[in-house]
Amino acid sequence: MKVWLALALAVGLTSCALDNSLGGSLSEVFPLDLSTVEVAQNPEALQITYYRNRGVFLDVVVRVSVSLQDEGVAADGGVPTIELKAGKKLELAGESPTGQLRCAVTHAPGGEPVRSLPRVKKGDIVITEGGSIGAPIKGNFSMLFEQEGGDVGFGRTLVGSFAVEQSLDAGFGDP
């Protein structure tokens, strides 16, 4: 009986750990081990940051920043934004309607300079649960980087999943 209980507990802990993970051929360039994940968002962007605690250093293993600008014109005449909700899939390659990258990825090991990865050649992100600021959010992504540009990661792949209890408000503050 104790063996079954221990096995069930181990499987439960393993499945929780899989909610936040990184993989892909980018692991050949730098380690994709992580300690914690943070998701921040505002109406214009979603940012997922994977951290790794290395004693005195806190590495940003990868930070994935996704523009939520949509095509067309908003009712107020501005640029419309994409509403994040369960089942929403966003393309990561290319540019937003205002010309900024749809997705930018960086790597910042503690005590070293920030390194940019090349543009995303193809990829997507899917929100599987939640999506509102201040609420739990879960999702996954996969991407292939261009062969040139950036500082590291040329032609590599990155896949990841994320699940946090609360998406942080990355708002613009009081007007």
C-alpha atoms as a PDB file:
ATOM      1  CA  MET A   1       0.000   0.000   0.000  1.00  0.00           C
ATOM      2  CA  LYS A   2       2.815   2.436   0.892  1.00  0.00           C
ATOM      3  CA  VAL A   3       4.529   1.706  -2.433  1.00  0.00           C
ATOM      4  CA  TRP A   4       1.373   2.625  -4.368  1.00  0.00           C
ATOM      5  CA  LEU A   5       0.961   5.823  -2.355  1.00  0.00           C
ATOM      6  CA  ALA A   6       4.592   6.815  -2.995  1.00  0.00           C
ATOM      7  CA  LEU A   7       4.223   6.016  -6.697  1.00  0.00           C
ATOM      8  CA  ALA A   8       1.003   8.056  -6.957  1.00  0.00           C
ATOM      9  CA  LEU A   9       2.673  10.988  -5.187  1.00  0.00           C
ATOM     10  CA  ALA A  10       5.712  10.803  -7.483  1.00  0.00           C
ATOM     11  CA  VAL A  11       3.517  10.743 -10.594  1.00  0.00           C
ATOM     12  CA  GLY A  12       1.486  13.679  -9.256  1.00  0.00           C
ATOM     13  CA  LEU A  13       4.591  15.751  -8.566  1.00  0.00           C
ATOM     14  CA  THR A  14       6.057  14.903 -11.967  1.00  0.00           C
ATOM     15  CA  SER A  15       2.894  15.952 -13.781  1.00  0.00           C
ATOM     16  CA  CYS A  16       2.876  19.293 -11.946  1.00  0.00           C
ATOM     17  CA  ALA A  17       6.491  19.905 -12.915  1.00  0.00           C
ATOM     18  CA  LEU A  18       5.643  19.316 -16.570  1.00  0.00           C
ATOM     19  CA  ASP A  19       3.300  22.336 -16.546  1.00  0.00           C
ATOM     20  CA  ASN A  20       6.384  24.568 -16.741  1.00  0.00           C
ATOM     21  CA  SER A  21       9.002  23.221 -19.101  1.00  0.00           C
ATOM     22  CA  LEU A  22      11.408  24.132 -21.886  1.00  0.00           C
ATOM     23  CA  GLY A  23      12.935  21.960 -24.593  1.00  0.00           C
ATOM     24  CA  GLY A  24      14.178  21.941 -28.152  1.00  0.00           C
ATOM     25  CA  SER A  25      17.514  22.135 -29.923  1.00  0.00           C
ATOM     26  CA  LEU A  26      18.270  25.464 -28.194  1.00  0.00           C
ATOM     27  CA  SER A  27      19.415  23.252 -25.288  1.00  0.00           C
ATOM     28  CA  GLU A  28      22.580  22.609 -27.337  1.00  0.00           C
ATOM     29  CA  VAL A  29      23.454  26.328 -26.978  1.00  0.00           C
ATOM     30  CA  PHE A  30      22.615  26.876 -23.283  1.00  0.00           C
ATOM     31  CA  PRO A  31      20.863  24.887 -20.522  1.00  0.00           C
ATOM     32  CA  LEU A  32      17.059  25.087 -20.478  1.00  0.00           C
ATOM     33  CA  ASP A  33      16.759  24.096 -16.798  1.00  0.00           C
ATOM     34  CA  LEU A  34      14.359  26.303 -14.864  1.00  0.00           C
ATOM     35  CA  SER A  35      13.304  27.096 -11.317  1.00  0.00           C
ATOM     36  CA  THR A  36      10.202  29.210 -11.792  1.00  0.00           C
ATOM     37  CA  VAL A  37       8.028  30.893 -14.409  1.00  0.00           C
ATOM     38  CA  GLU A  38       6.381  34.319 -14.411  1.00  0.00           C
ATOM     39  CA  VAL A  39       3.708  35.539 -16.829  1.00  0.00           C
ATOM     40  CA  ALA A  40       2.992  39.259 -17.174  1.00  0.00           C
ATOM     41  CA  GLN A  41       0.557  40.900 -19.545  1.00  0.00           C
ATOM     42  CA  ASN A  42      -1.234  44.054 -20.511  1.00  0.00           C
ATOM     43  CA  PRO A  43      -3.676  44.691 -23.365  1.00  0.00           C
ATOM     44  CA  GLU A  44      -0.811  45.010 -25.871  1.00  0.00           C
ATOM     45  CA  ALA A  45       1.597  42.200 -24.910  1.00  0.00           C
ATOM     46  CA  LEU A  46       2.118  38.877 -23.172  1.00  0.00           C
ATOM     47  CA  GLN A  47       5.496  38.060 -21.608  1.00  0.00           C
ATOM     48  CA  ILE A  48       6.554  34.644 -20.278  1.00  0.00           C
ATOM     49  CA  THR A  49       9.812  34.557 -18.325  1.00  0.00           C
ATOM     50  CA  TYR A  50      11.565  31.333 -17.336  1.00  0.00           C
ATOM     51  CA  TYR A  51      14.039  31.770 -14.457  1.00  0.00           C
ATOM     52  CA  ARG A  52      16.782  29.526 -13.130  1.00  0.00           C
ATOM     53  CA  ASN A  53      18.239  30.113  -9.672  1.00  0.00           C
ATOM     54  CA  ARG A  54      22.009  29.537  -9.618  1.00  0.00           C
ATOM     55  CA  GLY A  55      22.845  30.584  -6.069  1.00  0.00           C
ATOM     56  CA  VAL A  56      23.906  34.234  -6.242  1.00  0.00           C
ATOM     57  CA  PHE A  57      22.706  34.484  -9.869  1.00  0.00           C
ATOM     58  CA  LEU A  58      19.152  34.482 -11.158  1.00  0.00           C
ATOM     59  CA  ASP A  59      19.230  33.605 -14.846  1.00  0.00           C
ATOM     60  CA  VAL A  60      16.544  34.560 -17.308  1.00  0.00           C
ATOM     61  CA  VAL A  61      16.717  31.295 -19.224  1.00  0.00           C
ATOM     62  CA  VAL A  62      14.377  32.703 -21.855  1.00  0.00           C
ATOM     63  CA  ARG A  63      11.896  35.568 -21.982  1.00  0.00           C
ATOM     64  CA  VAL A  64       9.232  35.239 -24.668  1.00  0.00           C
ATOM     65  CA  SER A  65       7.478  38.533 -25.471  1.00  0.00           C
ATOM     66  CA  VAL A  66       4.424  38.375 -27.735  1.00  0.00           C
ATOM     67  CA  SER A  67       2.662  41.371 -29.292  1.00  0.00           C
ATOM     68  CA  LEU A  68      -1.121  41.255 -28.976  1.00  0.00           C
ATOM     69  CA  GLN A  69      -1.752  43.897 -31.633  1.00  0.00           C
ATOM     70  CA  ASP A  70      -4.400  42.823 -34.136  1.00  0.00           C
ATOM     71  CA  GLU A  71      -5.257  43.761 -37.710  1.00  0.00           C
ATOM     72  CA  GLY A  72      -7.631  46.611 -38.523  1.00  0.00           C
ATOM     73  CA  VAL A  73      -8.730  49.646 -36.546  1.00  0.00           C
ATOM     74  CA  ALA A  74     -10.243  49.649 -33.035  1.00  0.00           C
ATOM     75  CA  ALA A  75     -13.540  51.379 -32.313  1.00  0.00           C
ATOM     76  CA  ASP A  76     -11.629  54.261 -30.670  1.00  0.00           C
ATOM     77  CA  GLY A  77      -9.478  54.663 -33.812  1.00  0.00           C
ATOM     78  CA  GLY A  78      -6.409  53.038 -32.259  1.00  0.00           C
ATOM     79  CA  VAL A  79      -4.774  49.690 -32.915  1.00  0.00           C
ATOM     80  CA  PRO A  80      -6.996  46.775 -31.831  1.00  0.00           C
ATOM     81  CA  THR A  81      -5.622  44.064 -29.563  1.00  0.00           C
ATOM     82  CA  ILE A  82      -6.164  40.313 -29.391  1.00  0.00           C
ATOM     83  CA  GLU A  83      -8.105  39.038 -26.381  1.00  0.00           C
ATOM     84  CA  LEU A  84      -6.373  36.132 -24.675  1.00  0.00           C
ATOM     85  CA  LYS A  85      -8.687  33.277 -23.713  1.00  0.00           C
ATOM     86  CA  ALA A  86      -8.645  29.494 -23.528  1.00  0.00           C
ATOM     87  CA  GLY A  87      -8.250  27.971 -26.985  1.00  0.00           C
ATOM     88  CA  LYS A  88      -6.662  31.110 -28.487  1.00  0.00           C
ATOM     89  CA  LYS A  89      -3.782  30.369 -30.879  1.00  0.00           C
ATOM     90  CA  LEU A  90      -1.389  33.111 -31.988  1.00  0.00           C
ATOM     91  CA  GLU A  91       1.197  32.980 -34.748  1.00  0.00           C
ATOM     92  CA  LEU A  92       4.656  34.049 -33.541  1.00  0.00           C
ATOM     93  CA  ALA A  93       6.414  34.727 -36.847  1.00  0.00           C
ATOM     94  CA  GLY A  94       6.306  38.020 -38.694  1.00  0.00           C
ATOM     95  CA  GLU A  95       5.328  41.486 -37.581  1.00  0.00           C
ATOM     96  CA  SER A  96       2.352  43.102 -35.915  1.00  0.00           C
ATOM     97  CA  PRO A  97       0.253  45.631 -37.896  1.00  0.00           C
ATOM     98  CA  THR A  98       2.412  48.485 -36.542  1.00  0.00           C
ATOM     99  CA  GLY A  99       5.626  46.851 -37.796  1.00  0.00           C
ATOM    100  CA  GLN A 100       7.077  45.492 -34.553  1.00  0.00           C
ATOM    101  CA  LEU A 101       8.035  41.833 -34.227  1.00  0.00           C
ATOM    102  CA  ARG A 102       5.139  39.554 -33.320  1.00  0.00           C
ATOM    103  CA  CYS A 103       7.492  37.709 -30.934  1.00  0.00           C
ATOM    104  CA  ALA A 104      10.919  38.486 -29.460  1.00  0.00           C
ATOM    105  CA  VAL A 105      12.964  36.041 -27.370  1.00  0.00           C
ATOM    106  CA  THR A 106      15.930  36.887 -25.146  1.00  0.00           C
ATOM    107  CA  HIS A 107      18.350  35.023 -22.856  1.00  0.00           C
ATOM    108  CA  ALA A 108      20.008  36.751 -19.878  1.00  0.00           C
ATOM    109  CA  PRO A 109      22.237  34.608 -17.688  1.00  0.00           C
ATOM    110  CA  GLY A 110      22.929  36.240 -14.309  1.00  0.00           C
ATOM    111  CA  GLY A 111      26.000  38.464 -14.376  1.00  0.00           C
ATOM    112  CA  GLU A 112      26.177  38.485 -18.199  1.00  0.00           C
ATOM    113  CA  PRO A 113      24.687  40.700 -20.935  1.00  0.00           C
ATOM    114  CA  VAL A 114      21.258  40.069 -22.433  1.00  0.00           C
ATOM    115  CA  ARG A 115      21.400  38.061 -25.658  1.00  0.00           C
ATOM    116  CA  SER A 116      18.728  38.263 -28.358  1.00  0.00           C
ATOM    117  CA  LEU A 117      17.647  35.224 -30.317  1.00  0.00           C
ATOM    118  CA  PRO A 118      16.974  35.492 -34.073  1.00  0.00           C
ATOM    119  CA  ARG A 119      13.512  36.311 -35.425  1.00  0.00           C
ATOM    120  CA  VAL A 120      10.965  33.513 -35.228  1.00  0.00           C
ATOM    121  CA  LYS A 121      10.764  31.826 -38.645  1.00  0.00           C
ATOM    122  CA  LYS A 122       7.632  29.866 -37.733  1.00  0.00           C
ATOM    123  CA  GLY A 123       5.804  29.032 -34.556  1.00  0.00           C
ATOM    124  CA  ASP A 124       2.723  29.544 -32.452  1.00  0.00           C
ATOM    125  CA  ILE A 125       1.513  29.885 -28.893  1.00  0.00           C
ATOM    126  CA  VAL A 126      -1.737  28.405 -27.576  1.00  0.00           C
ATOM    127  CA  ILE A 127      -3.512  29.530 -24.416  1.00  0.00           C
ATOM    128  CA  THR A 128      -5.088  26.391 -22.947  1.00  0.00           C
ATOM    129  CA  GLU A 129      -6.602  27.862 -19.766  1.00  0.00           C
ATOM    130  CA  GLY A 130      -7.355  31.348 -18.488  1.00  0.00           C
ATOM    131  CA  GLY A 131      -6.044  34.444 -20.169  1.00  0.00           C
ATOM    132  CA  SER A 132      -7.196  37.359 -18.011  1.00  0.00           C
ATOM    133  CA  ILE A 133      -4.796  39.615 -16.136  1.00  0.00           C
ATOM    134  CA  GLY A 134      -4.589  38.557 -12.483  1.00  0.00           C
ATOM    135  CA  ALA A 135      -6.014  35.082 -13.158  1.00  0.00           C
ATOM    136  CA  PRO A 136      -4.368  31.699 -13.654  1.00  0.00           C
ATOM    137  CA  ILE A 137      -3.043  31.084 -17.162  1.00  0.00           C
ATOM    138  CA  LYS A 138      -1.720  27.981 -18.926  1.00  0.00           C
ATOM    139  CA  GLY A 139      -0.387  27.420 -22.402  1.00  0.00           C
ATOM    140  CA  ASN A 140       2.323  26.109 -24.658  1.00  0.00           C
ATOM    141  CA  PHE A 141       4.402  27.263 -27.599  1.00  0.00           C
ATOM    142  CA  SER A 142       6.811  26.031 -30.236  1.00  0.00           C
ATOM    143  CA  MET A 143       9.071  28.011 -32.516  1.00  0.00           C
ATOM    144  CA  LEU A 144      11.875  27.744 -35.046  1.00  0.00           C
ATOM    145  CA  PHE A 145      14.390  30.595 -35.240  1.00  0.00           C
ATOM    146  CA  GLU A 146      15.827  32.106 -38.426  1.00  0.00           C
ATOM    147  CA  GLN A 147      19.345  31.057 -39.514  1.00  0.00           C
ATOM    148  CA  GLU A 148      20.751  34.562 -38.997  1.00  0.00           C
ATOM    149  CA  GLY A 149      20.224  37.611 -36.822  1.00  0.00           C
ATOM    150  CA  GLY A 150      20.319  37.859 -33.059  1.00  0.00           C
ATOM    151  CA  ASP A 151      23.201  36.784 -30.831  1.00  0.00           C
ATOM    152  CA  VAL A 152      22.571  33.042 -30.250  1.00  0.00           C
ATOM    153  CA  GLY A 153      20.218  30.264 -31.311  1.00  0.00           C
ATOM    154  CA  PHE A 154      20.514  30.420 -35.117  1.00  0.00           C
ATOM    155  CA  GLY A 155      18.213  27.854 -36.760  1.00  0.00           C
ATOM    156  CA  ARG A 156      17.365  26.251 -33.401  1.00  0.00           C
ATOM    157  CA  THR A 157      13.987  25.246 -31.979  1.00  0.00           C
ATOM    158  CA  LEU A 158      12.354  26.123 -28.660  1.00  0.00           C
ATOM    159  CA  VAL A 159       9.255  24.504 -27.184  1.00  0.00           C
ATOM    160  CA  GLY A 160       7.730  25.270 -23.842  1.00  0.00           C
ATOM    161  CA  SER A 161       4.746  25.070 -21.590  1.00  0.00           C
ATOM    162  CA  PHE A 162       3.710  27.398 -18.797  1.00  0.00           C
ATOM    163  CA  ALA A 163       1.185  27.430 -15.969  1.00  0.00           C
ATOM    164  CA  VAL A 164       1.004  30.093 -13.277  1.00  0.00           C
ATOM    165  CA  GLU A 165      -1.480  30.771 -10.488  1.00  0.00           C
ATOM    166  CA  GLN A 166      -1.717  34.457 -11.394  1.00  0.00           C
ATOM    167  CA  SER A 167      -0.792  36.430 -14.486  1.00  0.00           C
ATOM    168  CA  LEU A 168       0.873  39.657 -13.375  1.00  0.00           C
ATOM    169  CA  ASP A 169      -0.464  43.028 -14.505  1.00  0.00           C
ATOM    170  CA  ALA A 170       2.156  44.710 -16.670  1.00  0.00           C
ATOM    171  CA  GLY A 171      -0.072  47.749 -17.062  1.00  0.00           C
ATOM    172  CA  PHE A 172       1.064  51.211 -17.939  1.00  0.00           C
ATOM    173  CA  GLY A 173       0.239  52.723 -14.544  1.00  0.00           C
ATOM    174  CA  ASP A 174      -2.058  55.659 -13.896  1.00  0.00           C
ATOM    175  CA  PRO A 175      -2.667  57.919 -16.920  1.00  0.00           C
END
